Amino acid sequence: MSKKLLYLIGILAVIILGIIFSLKYCCCPLCGAEATPVSNENEKLITKEVYKEPTLYPFSVKDGQGDLSLQINDNFNFEESNLNFLKPISSNLDMQIDKLKDYLTSNDNKSLSITGFFTANEKNNSAFPNLGIARANSVKNYFESKGIPSKIMNTFGQEKNGMVADSLKVYHGPVNFNILEFKDDSDEIAKLGEYIKANPIVLNFKTGQAHINLTAAERQEIADIAKYLDKVEGATCIVTGHTDNTGDATVNMKLGQDRADFAKQYLVRNAIPASKITAISKGQTEPIADNNTDEGKAKNRRTVITIK
C-alpha cells in the first residue's frame, strides 16, 4: 500500500471521528443534540429578588346616594408596623378633607366609616385588637381636629396581605373611606358604657416599666373605650393609680400619680386624645386586697382604666 493511500485513509479517519464526536457532544440547535452539563464545585447559584411595585391606595370618598365624589392620588401613609400616619400630609390632601368636612357637617344624616389596612407580617404594637383599627383611629383623630364630629365616624380594621411597602418600608394609603347613612346607636352605646364601668381594665406593672402588655380582651376594651369617648359628648377616660401601704402615704400618692400618668401617655400614644383622659391617684387609700401579704400588696399596686 502506497504512502499516498495511507495518507488519504488517515484524513478520512480523522473526518469520521470528528463527525462522531460532533454528533455526540455538540449543543448546536442544528445538530439536535443536548449540551453535556459542565459541573463546577465552586459555582454559586445567584437568586435574584423579585421586585414588587409598591401598592398605592388613593384618597377616595364617594357618596352613592349624594353628590360627593373626592379622589386624588395621595393619602395617609404609614411606616411598617406603625399606627401613626406620617406627617406632614400634603396640602392637596388637606383640601380634600376640608371638602369632606363641609359635606358631612351640612348633611347631618350622613356618617363616615374609616377602615385601616394591615398585613399579617406587621407587628401590632398598638393597644387595639389590630393595627388596622389603630390606624383608622389615628386618621379619625385628625379628621376630628379638622372639624368633623367624632360621633359620626366609625373605625374598623381589615387585613390586606396584598399590600406592598416601598423600599423605605412605607405603606401608601392603607386606609379606606365610605359614606353611609347615619344610624342612631345611642342605646347600644349606653349598654357599652355600662359594660365598661362594670369591667374596668386593671393593670399591674412597675413604675419603671417601659411597655404595657395587654391581653386580647384588654385590647378590645381599649377599642370600646375609644368608641365610647367618640360617641358620648363630654365622656372622659379615667385612669387611677393605686399603691400598697408600704412607705409614706404622701410618697405613695405621688407614686400612684406617676403610674396613672404613665398609663395615660400610653393611651395618648395609641390615638386616644389627651383631652379626653384624666389621670388621678388614690395612693394607698383604696386597697382591694390584704396589705399584710405579698400577694395582696401586688394586687393593690395597680392602675385602673375606665370611663366617666
Protein backbone atom coordinates (compact mmCIF):
# COMPACT_ATOMS: atom_id res chain seq x y z
CA MET A 1 0.00 0.00 0.00
CA SER A 2 1.47 3.31 -1.04
CA LYS A 3 2.16 6.18 1.36
CA LYS A 4 -0.27 8.37 -0.56
CA LEU A 5 -3.12 5.91 0.03
CA LEU A 6 -2.28 5.64 3.74
CA TYR A 7 -2.29 9.41 3.95
CA LEU A 8 -5.79 9.62 2.41
CA ILE A 9 -7.12 6.88 4.74
CA GLY A 10 -5.76 8.81 7.71
CA ILE A 11 -7.52 12.01 6.63
CA LEU A 12 -10.78 10.10 6.13
CA ALA A 13 -10.49 8.52 9.60
CA VAL A 14 -10.00 11.95 11.20
CA ILE A 15 -13.09 13.30 9.41
CA ILE A 16 -15.24 10.34 10.52
CA LEU A 17 -14.10 10.63 14.13
CA GLY A 18 -14.82 14.39 14.05
CA ILE A 19 -18.36 13.78 12.81
CA ILE A 20 -19.00 11.16 15.50
CA PHE A 21 -17.66 13.44 18.23
CA SER A 22 -19.69 16.41 16.95
CA LEU A 23 -22.94 14.42 16.91
CA LYS A 24 -22.36 13.23 20.47
CA TYR A 25 -21.32 16.43 22.16
CA CYS A 26 -22.43 19.38 20.03
CA CYS A 27 -25.02 21.75 21.61
CA CYS A 28 -25.79 23.46 18.32
CA PRO A 29 -29.55 23.60 17.59
CA LEU A 30 -28.83 22.34 14.08
CA CYS A 31 -27.41 19.13 15.47
CA GLY A 32 -30.39 18.45 17.67
CA ALA A 33 -28.11 17.27 20.47
CA GLU A 34 -28.20 18.42 24.08
CA ALA A 35 -25.23 20.00 25.72
CA THR A 36 -23.44 17.99 28.32
CA PRO A 37 -23.63 19.95 31.59
CA VAL A 38 -20.32 21.01 33.00
CA SER A 39 -20.06 20.58 36.73
CA ASN A 40 -18.19 23.12 38.80
CA GLU A 41 -17.97 22.67 42.53
CA ASN A 42 -17.18 26.34 43.04
CA GLU A 43 -20.15 27.57 41.02
CA LYS A 44 -22.59 29.64 43.11
CA LEU A 45 -26.34 29.89 42.48
CA ILE A 46 -27.39 33.52 42.44
CA THR A 47 -31.08 34.13 43.18
CA LYS A 48 -32.46 37.49 42.19
CA GLU A 49 -35.07 39.04 44.45
CA VAL A 50 -38.28 39.67 42.52
CA TYR A 51 -39.21 43.35 42.61
CA LYS A 52 -42.80 44.15 43.55
CA GLU A 53 -44.34 47.51 42.76
CA PRO A 54 -45.49 49.28 45.96
CA THR A 55 -49.26 49.44 46.24
CA LEU A 56 -50.99 52.82 46.29
CA TYR A 57 -54.47 53.36 47.63
CA PRO A 58 -55.56 56.88 46.64
CA PHE A 59 -57.74 59.05 48.87
CA SER A 60 -61.25 58.37 47.62
CA VAL A 61 -64.59 59.27 49.22
CA LYS A 62 -67.84 58.93 47.32
CA ASP A 63 -71.48 59.05 48.33
CA GLY A 64 -73.55 56.80 46.12
CA GLN A 65 -76.70 58.49 47.42
CA GLY A 66 -75.40 62.04 47.17
CA ASP A 67 -73.24 64.38 45.13
CA LEU A 68 -69.90 63.88 46.89
CA SER A 69 -67.02 62.47 44.87
CA LEU A 70 -63.47 63.12 46.02
CA GLN A 71 -60.36 61.38 44.71
CA ILE A 72 -56.67 62.26 44.47
CA ASN A 73 -53.53 60.17 44.04
CA ASP A 74 -52.46 60.81 47.61
CA ASN A 75 -53.47 59.55 51.04
CA PHE A 76 -52.30 58.96 54.59
CA ASN A 77 -49.08 56.94 54.63
CA PHE A 78 -47.82 54.66 57.40
CA GLU A 79 -44.48 53.10 58.20
CA GLU A 80 -44.48 49.33 58.57
CA SER A 81 -45.90 48.22 61.96
CA ASN A 82 -46.71 51.83 62.90
CA LEU A 83 -50.14 53.11 63.89
CA ASN A 84 -49.47 56.84 63.34
CA PHE A 85 -49.55 58.31 59.83
CA LEU A 86 -46.53 60.16 58.50
CA LYS A 87 -46.54 63.92 58.81
CA PRO A 88 -46.88 66.37 57.26
CA ILE A 89 -49.64 65.39 54.87
CA SER A 90 -49.89 67.21 51.55
CA SER A 91 -51.81 70.47 51.17
CA ASN A 92 -53.82 68.79 48.39
CA LEU A 93 -54.99 66.08 50.79
CA ASP A 94 -55.87 68.70 53.38
CA MET A 95 -58.03 70.50 50.81
CA GLN A 96 -59.98 67.29 50.14
CA ILE A 97 -60.52 66.77 53.87
CA ASP A 98 -61.93 70.30 54.14
CA LYS A 99 -64.39 69.46 51.35
CA LEU A 100 -65.32 66.24 53.16
CA LYS A 101 -65.91 68.19 56.37
CA ASP A 102 -68.15 70.71 54.60
CA TYR A 103 -70.20 67.88 53.10
CA LEU A 104 -70.63 65.95 56.35
CA THR A 105 -71.43 68.98 58.51
CA SER A 106 -74.08 70.14 56.01
CA ASN A 107 -75.65 66.65 55.77
CA ASP A 108 -76.47 65.52 59.30
CA ASN A 109 -77.95 62.26 58.00
CA LYS A 110 -74.52 61.03 56.87
CA SER A 111 -71.74 59.18 58.67
CA LEU A 112 -68.18 58.23 57.75
CA SER A 113 -66.58 54.82 58.16
CA ILE A 114 -62.78 54.64 58.22
CA THR A 115 -61.08 51.30 57.63
CA GLY A 116 -57.38 50.88 58.24
CA PHE A 117 -55.47 48.13 56.41
CA PHE A 118 -52.68 45.97 57.81
CA THR A 119 -50.76 42.85 56.83
CA ALA A 120 -50.20 39.66 58.80
CA ASN A 121 -46.43 40.29 58.68
CA GLU A 122 -46.66 43.57 60.54
CA LYS A 123 -46.22 43.69 64.31
CA ASN A 124 -49.15 45.15 66.23
CA ASN A 125 -47.52 47.42 68.82
CA SER A 126 -50.76 49.30 69.42
CA ALA A 127 -53.30 48.96 72.24
CA PHE A 128 -56.03 47.99 69.76
CA PRO A 129 -57.11 44.50 68.63
CA ASN A 130 -55.30 45.00 65.32
CA LEU A 131 -53.11 47.58 63.61
CA GLY A 132 -55.85 48.48 61.12
CA ILE A 133 -58.20 49.79 63.82
CA ALA A 134 -55.31 51.72 65.36
CA ARG A 135 -54.50 53.36 62.01
CA ALA A 136 -58.15 54.22 61.44
CA ASN A 137 -58.30 55.88 64.88
CA SER A 138 -55.18 57.89 64.10
CA VAL A 139 -56.84 59.26 60.94
CA LYS A 140 -60.15 59.77 62.77
CA ASN A 141 -58.43 61.96 65.36
CA TYR A 142 -57.01 64.12 62.60
CA PHE A 143 -60.42 64.47 60.98
CA GLU A 144 -61.82 65.49 64.36
CA SER A 145 -59.14 68.17 64.67
CA LYS A 146 -60.28 69.45 61.25
CA GLY A 147 -63.86 69.86 62.47
CA ILE A 148 -65.54 66.54 61.61
CA PRO A 149 -67.56 65.37 64.67
CA SER A 150 -66.24 62.12 66.13
CA LYS A 151 -69.76 60.87 66.84
CA ILE A 152 -70.45 60.44 63.10
CA MET A 153 -67.24 58.47 62.46
CA ASN A 154 -66.71 54.73 62.92
CA THR A 155 -63.37 52.92 62.74
CA PHE A 156 -62.56 49.42 61.53
CA GLY A 157 -59.57 47.26 60.65
CA GLN A 158 -59.04 44.91 57.71
CA GLU A 159 -56.20 42.51 57.00
CA LYS A 160 -54.92 43.09 53.48
CA ASN A 161 -51.94 40.88 52.74
CA GLY A 162 -51.66 42.05 49.14
CA MET A 163 -50.22 45.37 50.28
CA VAL A 164 -46.61 46.04 49.32
CA ALA A 165 -44.48 48.66 51.08
CA ASP A 166 -41.91 50.78 49.26
CA SER A 167 -38.13 50.49 49.70
CA LEU A 168 -38.35 52.61 52.87
CA LYS A 169 -40.94 50.22 54.34
CA VAL A 170 -43.76 52.73 53.98
CA TYR A 171 -47.32 51.73 53.04
CA HIS A 172 -49.00 54.28 50.79
CA GLY A 173 -52.64 54.91 51.67
CA PRO A 174 -53.59 51.81 53.72
CA VAL A 175 -56.91 53.39 54.71
CA ASN A 176 -60.33 53.42 53.08
CA PHE A 177 -63.37 55.69 53.50
CA ASN A 178 -67.10 55.18 52.97
CA ILE A 179 -70.10 57.49 53.32
CA LEU A 180 -73.10 55.80 54.95
CA GLU A 181 -76.48 56.82 56.26
CA PHE A 182 -76.27 57.95 59.89
CA LYS A 183 -77.56 55.37 62.37
CA ASP A 184 -78.71 56.31 65.86
CA ASP A 185 -76.89 53.83 68.09
CA SER A 186 -77.38 55.64 71.41
CA ASP A 187 -78.95 52.58 73.08
CA GLU A 188 -76.02 50.39 72.01
CA ILE A 189 -73.52 52.97 73.26
CA ALA A 190 -75.31 53.26 76.60
CA LYS A 191 -75.04 49.49 77.09
CA LEU A 192 -71.39 49.62 76.10
CA GLY A 193 -70.79 52.29 78.74
CA GLU A 194 -72.42 50.16 81.43
CA TYR A 195 -70.22 47.22 80.45
CA ILE A 196 -67.01 49.28 80.57
CA LYS A 197 -67.84 50.65 84.03
CA ALA A 198 -68.63 47.16 85.32
CA ASN A 199 -65.44 45.72 83.79
CA PRO A 200 -62.63 48.28 84.14
CA ILE A 201 -59.16 47.46 82.85
CA VAL A 202 -56.80 46.69 85.74
CA LEU A 203 -53.08 46.88 85.00
CA ASN A 204 -50.40 45.64 87.37
CA PHE A 205 -46.98 46.96 86.43
CA LYS A 206 -43.95 48.66 87.90
CA THR A 207 -43.42 52.41 87.52
CA GLY A 208 -40.17 51.95 85.61
CA GLN A 209 -41.70 49.53 83.14
CA ALA A 210 -41.27 50.78 79.57
CA HIS A 211 -44.19 48.98 77.95
CA ILE A 212 -47.66 47.79 78.83
CA ASN A 213 -48.55 44.30 77.61
CA LEU A 214 -52.27 43.92 77.04
CA THR A 215 -54.27 40.74 76.62
CA ALA A 216 -56.60 40.31 73.65
CA ALA A 217 -59.57 41.07 75.91
CA GLU A 218 -57.92 44.26 77.21
CA ARG A 219 -57.17 45.41 73.66
CA GLN A 220 -60.85 45.06 72.82
CA GLU A 221 -61.74 47.06 75.92
CA ILE A 222 -59.40 49.85 74.80
CA ALA A 223 -61.22 49.87 71.44
CA ASP A 224 -64.56 50.00 73.29
CA ILE A 225 -63.39 52.92 75.45
CA ALA A 226 -62.19 54.79 72.36
CA LYS A 227 -65.57 54.21 70.70
CA TYR A 228 -67.49 55.39 73.76
CA LEU A 229 -65.40 58.56 74.00
CA ASP A 230 -66.16 59.29 70.35
CA LYS A 231 -69.90 58.81 70.66
CA VAL A 232 -70.69 60.44 74.01
CA GLU A 233 -70.10 64.17 74.28
CA GLY A 234 -68.24 65.07 77.46
CA ALA A 235 -67.27 61.46 78.24
CA THR A 236 -63.90 61.01 79.91
CA CYS A 237 -61.50 58.14 80.33
CA ILE A 238 -60.44 57.96 83.99
CA VAL A 239 -57.02 56.47 84.78
CA THR A 240 -56.44 55.89 88.50
CA GLY A 241 -53.15 54.89 90.10
CA HIS A 242 -53.09 52.85 93.32
CA THR A 243 -50.33 51.59 95.61
CA ASP A 244 -49.89 49.27 98.57
CA ASN A 245 -49.30 50.68 102.08
CA THR A 246 -45.52 50.28 102.05
CA GLY A 247 -43.75 53.53 102.98
CA ASP A 248 -45.07 57.06 103.44
CA ALA A 249 -48.65 57.84 102.39
CA THR A 250 -47.62 61.11 100.72
CA VAL A 251 -44.93 59.37 98.71
CA ASN A 252 -47.44 56.69 97.72
CA MET A 253 -49.87 59.33 96.48
CA LYS A 254 -47.13 60.63 94.19
CA LEU A 255 -46.26 57.07 93.12
CA GLY A 256 -49.89 56.40 92.24
CA GLN A 257 -49.98 59.57 90.14
CA ASP A 258 -46.82 58.51 88.32
CA ARG A 259 -48.45 55.19 87.43
CA ALA A 260 -51.62 56.91 86.22
CA ASP A 261 -49.62 59.40 84.12
CA PHE A 262 -47.62 56.54 82.58
CA ALA A 263 -50.81 54.73 81.54
CA LYS A 264 -52.30 57.98 80.21
CA GLN A 265 -49.28 58.62 77.99
CA TYR A 266 -49.57 55.07 76.71
CA LEU A 267 -53.18 55.69 75.69
CA VAL A 268 -52.27 59.02 74.07
CA ARG A 269 -49.58 57.26 72.01
CA ASN A 270 -52.32 54.89 70.92
CA ALA A 271 -54.55 57.54 69.31
CA ILE A 272 -56.77 58.39 72.29
CA PRO A 273 -56.84 62.21 72.68
CA ALA A 274 -55.16 63.52 75.83
CA SER A 275 -58.06 65.97 76.27
CA LYS A 276 -60.37 63.02 76.89
CA ILE A 277 -58.20 61.35 79.56
CA THR A 278 -57.97 62.29 83.24
CA ALA A 279 -55.19 60.74 85.33
CA ILE A 280 -55.57 60.72 89.13
CA SER A 281 -54.07 58.97 92.15
CA LYS A 282 -55.69 57.27 95.12
CA GLY A 283 -52.36 56.25 96.60
CA GLN A 284 -52.80 53.60 99.29
CA THR A 285 -56.32 54.70 100.27
CA GLU A 286 -58.36 52.13 98.32
CA PRO A 287 -56.82 48.66 98.71
CA ILE A 288 -58.62 45.69 97.14
CA ALA A 289 -56.57 43.01 98.90
CA ASP A 290 -54.79 42.37 102.20
CA ASN A 291 -51.68 44.52 102.54
CA ASN A 292 -50.29 42.09 105.09
CA THR A 293 -49.34 39.60 102.35
CA ASP A 294 -47.04 39.95 99.36
CA GLU A 295 -49.79 38.68 97.08
CA GLY A 296 -52.24 41.23 98.43
CA LYS A 297 -49.75 44.08 98.03
CA ALA A 298 -49.12 43.07 94.42
CA LYS A 299 -52.85 43.33 93.70
CA ASN A 300 -53.06 46.75 95.34
CA ARG A 301 -50.23 48.10 93.16
CA ARG A 302 -52.49 48.70 90.18
CA THR A 303 -53.74 51.19 87.62
CA VAL A 304 -57.43 51.15 86.73
CA ILE A 305 -58.79 52.42 83.40
CA THR A 306 -62.49 53.10 82.99
CA ILE A 307 -64.89 55.87 81.85
CA LYS A 308 -67.00 58.58 83.40
